Amino acid sequence: QVHLVESGGGLVQPGGSLRLSCVASGFTFSRSVMSWYRQAPGKERELVTSFTSAGGNPTTGRFTISGDNAKKTVYLQMNSLKLEDTAVYYCNARLWNGKGYTDYWGQGTQVTVSS
């Protein structure tokens, strides 16, 4: 059974940093596409960035995703946080099921940027 457990969210001042973690279990981590999404109040969920074990550590502006295959953990390093980064951040695993892809989600972790 696939499980994704996020942690690391919290309250941070503008310009600060946070690192989110997502511990995965129940599937072959090294063969998955791992992503971070976020959803702000009143807005649709949006993709932040994605990672595969063969794809390095993509950086999207102020955010960098990375993974540790041994720990089955994906991280999201967020720097220079802005008020508009306030959202619930979700870990996503996209897995091949033989016929297509299935998306799995964690429960989310709240990130609040406020002075």
N, C-alpha and C. Protein backbone atom coordinates (compact mmCIF):
# COMPACT_ATOMS: atom_id res chain seq x y z
N GLN A 1 0.85 -1.18 0.00
CA GLN A 1 0.00 0.00 0.00
C GLN A 1 0.89 1.24 0.00
N VAL A 2 0.56 2.16 -0.87
CA VAL A 2 1.35 3.38 -1.00
C VAL A 2 1.04 4.35 0.13
N HIS A 3 2.09 4.86 0.74
CA HIS A 3 1.95 5.88 1.77
C HIS A 3 2.94 6.99 1.50
N LEU A 4 2.46 8.22 1.64
CA LEU A 4 3.30 9.40 1.53
C LEU A 4 3.02 10.26 2.75
N VAL A 5 4.06 10.58 3.50
CA VAL A 5 3.88 11.35 4.72
C VAL A 5 4.77 12.58 4.67
N GLU A 6 4.14 13.74 4.60
CA GLU A 6 4.88 15.00 4.54
C GLU A 6 5.13 15.55 5.94
N SER A 7 6.17 16.34 6.04
CA SER A 7 6.47 17.06 7.27
C SER A 7 7.32 18.26 6.93
N GLY A 8 7.49 19.14 7.92
CA GLY A 8 8.38 20.27 7.73
C GLY A 8 7.70 21.60 7.51
N GLY A 9 6.39 21.59 7.37
CA GLY A 9 5.69 22.86 7.20
C GLY A 9 5.67 23.67 8.48
N GLY A 10 5.19 24.90 8.36
CA GLY A 10 5.11 25.75 9.54
C GLY A 10 4.96 27.20 9.16
N LEU A 11 5.19 28.04 10.15
CA LEU A 11 5.09 29.49 9.98
C LEU A 11 6.49 30.06 9.79
N VAL A 12 6.65 30.86 8.76
CA VAL A 12 7.95 31.46 8.49
C VAL A 12 7.75 32.89 8.01
N GLN A 13 8.70 33.73 8.29
CA GLN A 13 8.62 35.13 7.86
C GLN A 13 9.02 35.26 6.39
N PRO A 14 8.55 36.28 5.73
CA PRO A 14 8.98 36.52 4.34
C PRO A 14 10.50 36.59 4.26
N GLY A 15 11.04 35.95 3.23
CA GLY A 15 12.48 35.88 3.06
C GLY A 15 13.12 34.68 3.73
N GLY A 16 12.36 33.96 4.52
CA GLY A 16 12.88 32.80 5.23
C GLY A 16 12.91 31.56 4.37
N SER A 17 13.33 30.46 4.99
CA SER A 17 13.45 29.18 4.28
C SER A 17 12.78 28.07 5.07
N LEU A 18 12.36 27.06 4.34
CA LEU A 18 11.83 25.85 4.94
C LEU A 18 12.25 24.68 4.07
N ARG A 19 12.38 23.52 4.69
CA ARG A 19 12.59 22.29 3.93
C ARG A 19 11.51 21.30 4.28
N LEU A 20 10.75 20.92 3.28
CA LEU A 20 9.72 19.92 3.46
C LEU A 20 10.28 18.54 3.15
N SER A 21 9.74 17.55 3.83
CA SER A 21 10.14 16.17 3.59
C SER A 21 8.91 15.33 3.30
N CYS A 22 9.11 14.32 2.50
CA CYS A 22 8.04 13.38 2.19
C CYS A 22 8.64 11.97 2.22
N VAL A 23 8.21 11.19 3.18
CA VAL A 23 8.69 9.81 3.29
C VAL A 23 7.71 8.90 2.57
N ALA A 24 8.25 8.10 1.66
CA ALA A 24 7.42 7.23 0.83
C ALA A 24 7.57 5.78 1.23
N SER A 25 6.52 5.01 1.04
CA SER A 25 6.59 3.58 1.28
C SER A 25 5.55 2.89 0.41
N GLY A 26 5.79 1.59 0.18
CA GLY A 26 4.80 0.80 -0.55
C GLY A 26 5.03 0.73 -2.04
N PHE A 27 6.13 1.31 -2.53
CA PHE A 27 6.42 1.22 -3.96
C PHE A 27 7.91 1.42 -4.16
N THR A 28 8.35 1.17 -5.40
CA THR A 28 9.77 1.30 -5.71
C THR A 28 10.07 2.77 -5.95
N PHE A 29 10.65 3.38 -4.95
CA PHE A 29 10.87 4.82 -4.98
C PHE A 29 11.72 5.24 -6.18
N SER A 30 12.74 4.48 -6.47
CA SER A 30 13.68 4.86 -7.52
C SER A 30 13.07 4.82 -8.91
N ARG A 31 11.90 4.21 -9.05
CA ARG A 31 11.26 4.12 -10.36
C ARG A 31 10.07 5.06 -10.50
N SER A 32 9.89 5.90 -9.52
CA SER A 32 8.71 6.75 -9.52
C SER A 32 9.05 8.17 -9.96
N VAL A 33 8.02 8.90 -10.30
CA VAL A 33 8.13 10.34 -10.50
C VAL A 33 7.54 10.98 -9.25
N MET A 34 8.36 11.71 -8.54
CA MET A 34 7.92 12.35 -7.30
C MET A 34 7.79 13.84 -7.55
N SER A 35 6.73 14.41 -7.03
CA SER A 35 6.47 15.83 -7.25
C SER A 35 5.96 16.48 -5.97
N TRP A 36 6.12 17.78 -5.95
CA TRP A 36 5.47 18.60 -4.93
C TRP A 36 4.45 19.50 -5.62
N TYR A 37 3.26 19.53 -5.06
CA TYR A 37 2.20 20.42 -5.48
C TYR A 37 1.85 21.32 -4.30
N ARG A 38 1.12 22.36 -4.61
CA ARG A 38 0.61 23.20 -3.54
C ARG A 38 -0.77 23.73 -3.91
N GLN A 39 -1.52 24.02 -2.85
CA GLN A 39 -2.85 24.57 -3.05
C GLN A 39 -3.09 25.67 -2.05
N ALA A 40 -3.25 26.87 -2.58
CA ALA A 40 -3.54 28.03 -1.75
C ALA A 40 -5.05 28.15 -1.58
N PRO A 41 -5.49 28.84 -0.54
CA PRO A 41 -6.94 29.00 -0.31
C PRO A 41 -7.64 29.60 -1.52
N GLY A 42 -8.70 28.94 -1.96
CA GLY A 42 -9.47 29.45 -3.07
C GLY A 42 -8.86 29.22 -4.43
N LYS A 43 -7.76 28.51 -4.49
CA LYS A 43 -7.08 28.28 -5.76
C LYS A 43 -6.97 26.78 -6.05
N GLU A 44 -6.70 26.46 -7.31
CA GLU A 44 -6.52 25.08 -7.68
C GLU A 44 -5.12 24.59 -7.27
N ARG A 45 -5.04 23.31 -7.11
CA ARG A 45 -3.74 22.72 -6.81
C ARG A 45 -2.81 22.89 -8.02
N GLU A 46 -1.57 23.26 -7.75
CA GLU A 46 -0.63 23.50 -8.85
C GLU A 46 0.69 22.78 -8.61
N LEU A 47 1.32 22.40 -9.70
CA LEU A 47 2.61 21.72 -9.62
C LEU A 47 3.71 22.71 -9.25
N VAL A 48 4.53 22.33 -8.29
CA VAL A 48 5.69 23.13 -7.93
C VAL A 48 6.91 22.65 -8.71
N THR A 49 7.25 21.39 -8.57
CA THR A 49 8.37 20.81 -9.30
C THR A 49 8.37 19.29 -9.14
N SER A 50 9.10 18.61 -10.03
CA SER A 50 9.12 17.14 -10.03
C SER A 50 10.54 16.62 -10.01
N PHE A 51 10.64 15.34 -9.66
CA PHE A 51 11.95 14.71 -9.51
C PHE A 51 11.86 13.24 -9.88
N THR A 52 12.87 12.75 -10.59
CA THR A 52 13.05 11.31 -10.73
C THR A 52 14.49 11.00 -10.35
N SER A 53 14.76 9.76 -10.01
CA SER A 53 16.09 9.40 -9.54
C SER A 53 17.14 9.62 -10.61
N ALA A 54 16.70 9.64 -11.87
CA ALA A 54 17.65 9.86 -12.96
C ALA A 54 17.69 11.31 -13.41
N GLY A 55 16.87 12.14 -12.77
CA GLY A 55 16.71 13.48 -13.30
C GLY A 55 17.40 14.58 -12.56
N GLY A 56 18.30 14.26 -11.64
CA GLY A 56 19.01 15.32 -10.93
C GLY A 56 18.13 16.02 -9.93
N ASN A 57 18.43 17.23 -9.62
CA ASN A 57 17.72 18.01 -8.61
C ASN A 57 17.17 19.28 -9.24
N PRO A 58 16.01 19.16 -9.86
CA PRO A 58 15.45 20.33 -10.54
C PRO A 58 15.19 21.50 -9.59
N THR A 59 15.57 22.64 -10.04
CA THR A 59 15.31 23.85 -9.28
C THR A 59 14.34 24.71 -10.06
N THR A 60 13.28 25.11 -9.41
CA THR A 60 12.31 25.99 -10.02
C THR A 60 12.34 27.31 -9.27
N GLY A 61 13.10 28.24 -9.78
CA GLY A 61 13.19 29.52 -9.12
C GLY A 61 13.80 29.38 -7.75
N ARG A 62 12.99 29.60 -6.73
CA ARG A 62 13.48 29.60 -5.36
C ARG A 62 13.37 28.23 -4.70
N PHE A 63 12.78 27.28 -5.41
CA PHE A 63 12.53 25.96 -4.82
C PHE A 63 13.38 24.89 -5.49
N THR A 64 13.88 23.97 -4.70
CA THR A 64 14.68 22.86 -5.22
C THR A 64 14.16 21.55 -4.67
N ILE A 65 13.89 20.61 -5.56
CA ILE A 65 13.45 19.28 -5.15
C ILE A 65 14.64 18.34 -5.24
N SER A 66 14.72 17.44 -4.27
CA SER A 66 15.77 16.44 -4.28
C SER A 66 15.25 15.17 -3.65
N GLY A 67 15.98 14.08 -3.86
CA GLY A 67 15.52 12.82 -3.32
C GLY A 67 16.65 11.99 -2.76
N ASP A 68 16.32 11.13 -1.84
CA ASP A 68 17.26 10.19 -1.24
C ASP A 68 16.66 8.80 -1.40
N ASN A 69 17.22 8.03 -2.35
CA ASN A 69 16.66 6.71 -2.62
C ASN A 69 16.77 5.78 -1.42
N ALA A 70 17.87 5.89 -0.68
CA ALA A 70 18.06 5.00 0.47
C ALA A 70 17.02 5.26 1.55
N LYS A 71 16.66 6.51 1.72
CA LYS A 71 15.67 6.87 2.75
C LYS A 71 14.26 6.92 2.19
N LYS A 72 14.13 6.75 0.87
CA LYS A 72 12.82 6.84 0.22
C LYS A 72 12.14 8.15 0.61
N THR A 73 12.89 9.20 0.49
CA THR A 73 12.41 10.51 0.91
C THR A 73 12.68 11.53 -0.18
N VAL A 74 11.71 12.38 -0.41
CA VAL A 74 11.89 13.50 -1.32
C VAL A 74 11.75 14.78 -0.51
N TYR A 75 12.57 15.75 -0.87
CA TYR A 75 12.62 17.01 -0.13
C TYR A 75 12.24 18.16 -1.05
N LEU A 76 11.76 19.21 -0.44
CA LEU A 76 11.55 20.47 -1.15
C LEU A 76 12.19 21.58 -0.33
N GLN A 77 13.29 22.09 -0.83
CA GLN A 77 13.95 23.21 -0.19
C GLN A 77 13.36 24.50 -0.74
N MET A 78 12.83 25.32 0.13
CA MET A 78 12.17 26.56 -0.28
C MET A 78 12.92 27.72 0.34
N ASN A 79 13.41 28.60 -0.50
CA ASN A 79 14.18 29.75 -0.05
C ASN A 79 13.48 31.05 -0.45
N SER A 80 13.85 32.12 0.22
CA SER A 80 13.30 33.45 -0.07
C SER A 80 11.79 33.41 -0.18
N LEU A 81 11.18 32.83 0.81
CA LEU A 81 9.72 32.63 0.77
C LEU A 81 8.98 33.96 0.76
N LYS A 82 7.87 33.94 0.02
CA LYS A 82 7.04 35.11 -0.12
C LYS A 82 5.64 34.83 0.45
N LEU A 83 4.91 35.92 0.68
CA LEU A 83 3.56 35.76 1.22
C LEU A 83 2.72 34.83 0.34
N GLU A 84 2.91 34.95 -0.96
CA GLU A 84 2.10 34.17 -1.89
C GLU A 84 2.48 32.70 -1.96
N ASP A 85 3.51 32.32 -1.23
CA ASP A 85 3.87 30.90 -1.15
C ASP A 85 3.04 30.18 -0.09
N THR A 86 2.24 30.91 0.64
CA THR A 86 1.37 30.31 1.64
C THR A 86 0.40 29.35 0.97
N ALA A 87 0.41 28.10 1.43
CA ALA A 87 -0.42 27.06 0.82
C ALA A 87 -0.24 25.77 1.60
N VAL A 88 -1.09 24.81 1.28
CA VAL A 88 -0.85 23.45 1.72
C VAL A 88 -0.01 22.77 0.64
N TYR A 89 1.08 22.18 1.05
CA TYR A 89 1.99 21.53 0.12
C TYR A 89 1.80 20.02 0.19
N TYR A 90 1.64 19.43 -0.98
CA TYR A 90 1.36 18.01 -1.08
C TYR A 90 2.47 17.28 -1.82
N CYS A 91 2.80 16.14 -1.31
CA CYS A 91 3.72 15.24 -1.98
C CYS A 91 2.91 14.33 -2.91
N ASN A 92 3.44 14.09 -4.08
CA ASN A 92 2.76 13.26 -5.07
C ASN A 92 3.71 12.21 -5.62
N ALA A 93 3.20 11.01 -5.78
CA ALA A 93 3.94 9.94 -6.46
C ALA A 93 3.12 9.48 -7.65
N ARG A 94 3.72 9.50 -8.81
CA ARG A 94 3.05 9.03 -10.02
C ARG A 94 3.67 7.69 -10.40
N LEU A 95 2.85 6.65 -10.35
CA LEU A 95 3.35 5.30 -10.53
C LEU A 95 2.70 4.63 -11.73
N TRP A 96 3.54 3.87 -12.43
CA TRP A 96 3.05 3.13 -13.59
C TRP A 96 2.38 1.85 -13.09
N ASN A 97 1.13 1.61 -13.54
CA ASN A 97 0.40 0.43 -13.07
C ASN A 97 0.28 -0.64 -14.13
N GLY A 98 1.03 -0.50 -15.20
CA GLY A 98 0.99 -1.48 -16.27
C GLY A 98 0.15 -1.03 -17.44
N LYS A 99 -0.81 -0.18 -17.17
CA LYS A 99 -1.69 0.33 -18.23
C LYS A 99 -1.64 1.84 -18.32
N GLY A 100 -1.30 2.45 -17.25
CA GLY A 100 -1.25 3.90 -17.21
C GLY A 100 -0.65 4.34 -15.90
N TYR A 101 -0.78 5.61 -15.60
CA TYR A 101 -0.22 6.15 -14.37
C TYR A 101 -1.31 6.39 -13.34
N THR A 102 -0.96 6.16 -12.07
CA THR A 102 -1.83 6.45 -10.95
C THR A 102 -1.15 7.45 -10.05
N ASP A 103 -1.88 8.45 -9.63
CA ASP A 103 -1.35 9.46 -8.72
C ASP A 103 -1.73 9.13 -7.28
N TYR A 104 -0.74 9.23 -6.42
CA TYR A 104 -0.94 9.06 -4.98
C TYR A 104 -0.53 10.35 -4.29
N TRP A 105 -1.25 10.68 -3.20
CA TRP A 105 -1.04 11.94 -2.51
C TRP A 105 -0.82 11.73 -1.02
N GLY A 106 0.00 12.60 -0.46
CA GLY A 106 0.11 12.67 0.98
C GLY A 106 -1.01 13.51 1.54
N GLN A 107 -0.98 13.68 2.86
CA GLN A 107 -2.06 14.42 3.53
C GLN A 107 -1.86 15.92 3.46
N GLY A 108 -0.66 16.34 3.09
CA GLY A 108 -0.37 17.76 2.98
C GLY A 108 0.25 18.33 4.24
N THR A 109 1.03 19.37 4.05
CA THR A 109 1.62 20.09 5.17
C THR A 109 1.46 21.58 4.92
N GLN A 110 1.01 22.29 5.93
CA GLN A 110 0.71 23.72 5.78
C GLN A 110 1.99 24.55 5.87
N VAL A 111 2.15 25.44 4.91
CA VAL A 111 3.22 26.43 4.94
C VAL A 111 2.56 27.80 4.96
N THR A 112 2.89 28.57 5.98
CA THR A 112 2.33 29.91 6.12
C THR A 112 3.47 30.90 6.17
N VAL A 113 3.46 31.83 5.24
CA VAL A 113 4.47 32.88 5.20
C VAL A 113 3.81 34.17 5.65
N SER A 114 4.27 34.67 6.76
CA SER A 114 3.63 35.84 7.33
C SER A 114 4.61 36.59 8.22
N SER A 115 4.46 37.90 8.24
CA SER A 115 5.30 38.71 9.12
C SER A 115 4.59 38.97 10.44
